[in-house]
Amino acid sequence: MSRLREVIHVVTAHRQREGGGFVVRRPFPGAVLDFVDPFLLLDEMGPADYEPGEALGVSAVIETRTPILYHDWTLEPGADVTTPVPDAFDAFAYVFEGEPLVSGHDVVDGQMALLGPGDGVRLTCASGRRGPARLLLVGGAPLREPVARLGPFVMNSDGEIRQALLDFQSGRMGRIGS
């Protein structure tokens, strides 16, 4: 790795109720950050079983339409690791436990660190911490396409949103079986 990514912005997740009343923490979309291309939103609800991409030389067994990385890191006190992140990816780290350093920048539980250009990121947990730090390191090849959204619909234009609403209202989107 020739150039480590720096933290260019830190966003604190806001809490909101979703669906059946469960609470999520959402760093984006929000008032500060609309999306991190190619990702449209991030909700923290609990543990993840789905981890596409590659880490430490091992590739996930699933495929995605666009190249991404999705790492779930546990950093014990004293941990110091530098991991590659493809230079062409937009990337961020979302902390959901503890207080790690992301490229030398303090980031705490419920905060997301947006990362600048580079080909790697350094993740550390100070040896004096009481417990581990947990974070997601997420990145992907940006699509650089326009984004239009309304409720659960995400398309590329307002016209496509209107068509999706018409399709939904007329039953052309199919049904979920009971």
Protein backbone atom coordinates (compact mmCIF):
# COMPACT_ATOMS: atom_id res chain seq x y z
CA MET A 1 0.00 0.00 0.00
CA SER A 2 1.48 3.27 -1.05
CA ARG A 3 -1.04 5.78 0.29
CA LEU A 4 -3.28 5.33 3.31
CA ARG A 5 -6.72 6.89 3.25
CA GLU A 6 -7.38 9.80 5.58
CA VAL A 7 -10.65 10.53 7.37
CA ILE A 8 -12.22 13.46 5.50
CA HIS A 9 -15.50 13.73 7.42
CA VAL A 10 -17.16 12.16 10.47
CA VAL A 11 -20.95 11.81 10.65
CA THR A 12 -22.83 10.87 13.82
CA ALA A 13 -25.74 8.52 13.14
CA HIS A 14 -29.22 9.71 14.03
CA ARG A 15 -31.77 7.40 15.69
CA GLN A 16 -35.18 6.80 14.18
CA ARG A 17 -38.03 4.31 14.37
CA GLU A 18 -38.70 2.05 11.40
CA GLY A 19 -41.38 -0.42 10.36
CA GLY A 20 -42.78 -2.17 13.43
CA GLY A 21 -41.29 0.42 15.79
CA PHE A 22 -37.73 -0.88 16.07
CA VAL A 23 -34.99 1.73 16.41
CA VAL A 24 -32.17 2.07 13.87
CA ARG A 25 -29.11 4.26 13.86
CA ARG A 26 -28.63 5.79 10.40
CA PRO A 27 -25.55 7.86 9.43
CA PHE A 28 -26.88 8.28 5.88
CA PRO A 29 -29.03 9.38 4.21
CA GLY A 30 -29.51 12.37 6.45
CA ALA A 31 -29.13 16.10 6.72
CA VAL A 32 -25.32 15.91 6.51
CA LEU A 33 -24.76 13.19 3.90
CA ASP A 34 -27.17 11.96 1.21
CA PHE A 35 -25.29 8.79 0.13
CA VAL A 36 -21.84 7.28 -0.34
CA ASP A 37 -21.74 6.04 -3.94
CA PRO A 38 -22.66 3.22 -4.61
CA PHE A 39 -24.40 2.84 -1.21
CA LEU A 40 -27.76 4.55 -0.70
CA LEU A 41 -28.19 4.04 3.04
CA LEU A 42 -26.74 2.42 6.13
CA ASP A 43 -28.91 1.26 9.02
CA GLU A 44 -27.52 -0.25 12.21
CA MET A 45 -30.05 -2.76 13.53
CA GLY A 46 -27.95 -5.65 14.78
CA PRO A 47 -25.41 -8.25 13.65
CA ALA A 48 -24.89 -8.97 9.95
CA ASP A 49 -24.69 -12.42 8.37
CA TYR A 50 -23.92 -11.05 4.91
CA GLU A 51 -20.36 -10.02 4.20
CA PRO A 52 -19.53 -9.73 0.50
CA GLY A 53 -16.12 -8.81 -0.81
CA GLU A 54 -12.65 -9.94 0.15
CA ALA A 55 -10.63 -9.68 3.38
CA LEU A 56 -7.24 -11.02 4.37
CA GLY A 57 -6.98 -13.00 1.12
CA VAL A 58 -10.34 -14.77 1.45
CA SER A 59 -13.22 -14.03 -0.94
CA ALA A 60 -16.90 -14.22 -0.04
CA VAL A 61 -18.96 -16.97 -1.66
CA ILE A 62 -21.60 -14.55 -2.95
CA GLU A 63 -21.43 -12.24 -5.95
CA THR A 64 -22.54 -8.63 -6.21
CA ARG A 65 -23.43 -6.62 -9.32
CA THR A 66 -20.77 -4.03 -8.58
CA PRO A 67 -17.46 -4.65 -6.77
CA ILE A 68 -17.69 -3.90 -3.05
CA LEU A 69 -15.99 -4.68 0.21
CA TYR A 70 -17.85 -5.21 3.47
CA HIS A 71 -15.64 -6.09 6.44
CA ASP A 72 -16.84 -6.63 10.01
CA TRP A 73 -13.81 -5.89 12.23
CA THR A 74 -13.28 -6.66 15.91
CA LEU A 75 -10.17 -4.88 17.19
CA GLU A 76 -8.93 -6.04 20.58
CA PRO A 77 -7.03 -3.51 22.71
CA GLY A 78 -3.53 -3.17 21.22
CA ALA A 79 -4.64 -4.18 17.71
CA ASP A 80 -3.00 -2.37 14.80
CA VAL A 81 -3.85 -3.50 11.28
CA THR A 82 -3.50 -1.94 7.85
CA THR A 83 -5.76 -3.39 5.19
CA PRO A 84 -6.03 -2.67 1.48
CA VAL A 85 -9.00 -0.78 0.05
CA PRO A 86 -9.04 -0.51 -3.75
CA ASP A 87 -8.05 2.98 -4.82
CA ALA A 88 -11.06 3.23 -7.17
CA PHE A 89 -13.57 2.62 -4.31
CA ASP A 90 -15.42 5.16 -2.22
CA ALA A 91 -15.14 3.93 1.37
CA PHE A 92 -16.19 4.55 4.96
CA ALA A 93 -15.86 2.99 8.41
CA TYR A 94 -18.91 2.77 10.69
CA VAL A 95 -18.18 2.16 14.39
CA PHE A 96 -20.83 0.28 16.37
CA GLU A 97 -18.86 -0.49 19.53
CA GLY A 98 -15.88 1.04 21.29
CA GLU A 99 -13.46 3.77 20.22
CA PRO A 100 -11.01 2.78 17.49
CA LEU A 101 -8.65 4.98 15.53
CA VAL A 102 -9.38 5.03 11.81
CA SER A 103 -6.26 6.22 9.99
CA GLY A 104 -5.23 7.95 13.22
CA HIS A 105 -8.60 9.69 13.75
CA ASP A 106 -10.73 9.01 16.85
CA VAL A 107 -14.14 7.62 15.84
CA VAL A 108 -16.65 6.48 18.45
CA ASP A 109 -19.69 4.22 18.69
CA GLY A 110 -22.41 5.49 16.33
CA GLN A 111 -20.09 7.48 14.08
CA MET A 112 -19.15 6.98 10.45
CA ALA A 113 -15.78 8.09 9.07
CA LEU A 114 -15.86 8.95 5.38
CA LEU A 115 -12.46 8.10 3.88
CA GLY A 116 -10.56 10.03 1.24
CA PRO A 117 -8.49 8.61 -1.62
CA GLY A 118 -5.81 6.00 -1.12
CA ASP A 119 -5.23 2.27 -1.35
CA GLY A 120 -5.45 1.22 2.31
CA VAL A 121 -6.67 2.12 5.76
CA ARG A 122 -5.10 1.69 9.19
CA LEU A 123 -7.35 0.48 12.01
CA THR A 124 -6.14 0.52 15.61
CA CYS A 125 -7.46 0.07 19.13
CA ALA A 126 -5.33 1.60 21.87
CA SER A 127 -3.88 -0.90 24.33
CA GLY A 128 -5.41 1.02 27.26
CA ARG A 129 -9.03 0.49 26.13
CA ARG A 130 -11.33 -1.56 28.36
CA GLY A 131 -12.70 -3.68 25.55
CA PRO A 132 -12.67 -4.27 21.84
CA ALA A 133 -13.75 -1.86 19.13
CA ARG A 134 -16.17 -3.09 16.45
CA LEU A 135 -16.61 -1.49 13.06
CA LEU A 136 -17.72 -2.08 9.51
CA LEU A 137 -15.30 -1.11 6.76
CA VAL A 138 -17.39 -0.64 3.61
CA GLY A 139 -16.38 0.39 0.13
CA GLY A 140 -17.48 0.10 -3.45
CA ALA A 141 -16.89 1.17 -7.01
CA PRO A 142 -18.94 4.35 -7.46
CA LEU A 143 -21.69 4.15 -10.07
CA ARG A 144 -21.71 7.91 -10.71
CA GLU A 145 -25.36 7.82 -11.72
CA PRO A 146 -28.13 10.22 -10.72
CA VAL A 147 -30.23 9.13 -7.75
CA ALA A 148 -33.95 9.84 -7.32
CA ARG A 149 -35.88 8.44 -4.37
CA LEU A 150 -39.34 8.45 -2.89
CA GLY A 151 -40.13 6.16 0.04
CA PRO A 152 -38.86 2.68 -0.79
CA PHE A 153 -38.37 3.49 -4.49
CA VAL A 154 -34.88 4.35 -5.76
CA MET A 155 -34.38 5.06 -9.44
CA ASN A 156 -32.27 7.33 -11.66
CA SER A 157 -34.88 9.99 -12.48
CA ASP A 158 -38.15 11.50 -11.27
CA GLY A 159 -39.85 10.02 -14.35
CA GLU A 160 -38.71 6.52 -13.36
CA ILE A 161 -40.01 7.14 -9.82
CA ARG A 162 -43.43 8.15 -11.22
CA GLN A 163 -43.48 4.98 -13.37
CA ALA A 164 -42.52 2.82 -10.38
CA LEU A 165 -45.40 4.33 -8.36
CA LEU A 166 -47.83 3.62 -11.19
CA ASP A 167 -46.52 0.04 -11.50
CA PHE A 168 -46.86 -0.47 -7.74
CA GLN A 169 -50.38 1.01 -7.58
CA SER A 170 -51.53 -1.15 -10.51
CA GLY A 171 -50.06 -4.37 -9.04
CA ARG A 172 -47.40 -4.82 -11.73
CA MET A 173 -44.60 -5.30 -9.16
CA GLY A 174 -45.81 -8.72 -8.08
CA ARG A 175 -46.89 -9.97 -4.68
CA ILE A 176 -45.15 -11.44 -1.70
CA GLY A 177 -46.73 -14.77 -0.72
CA SER A 178 -48.05 -15.38 2.77
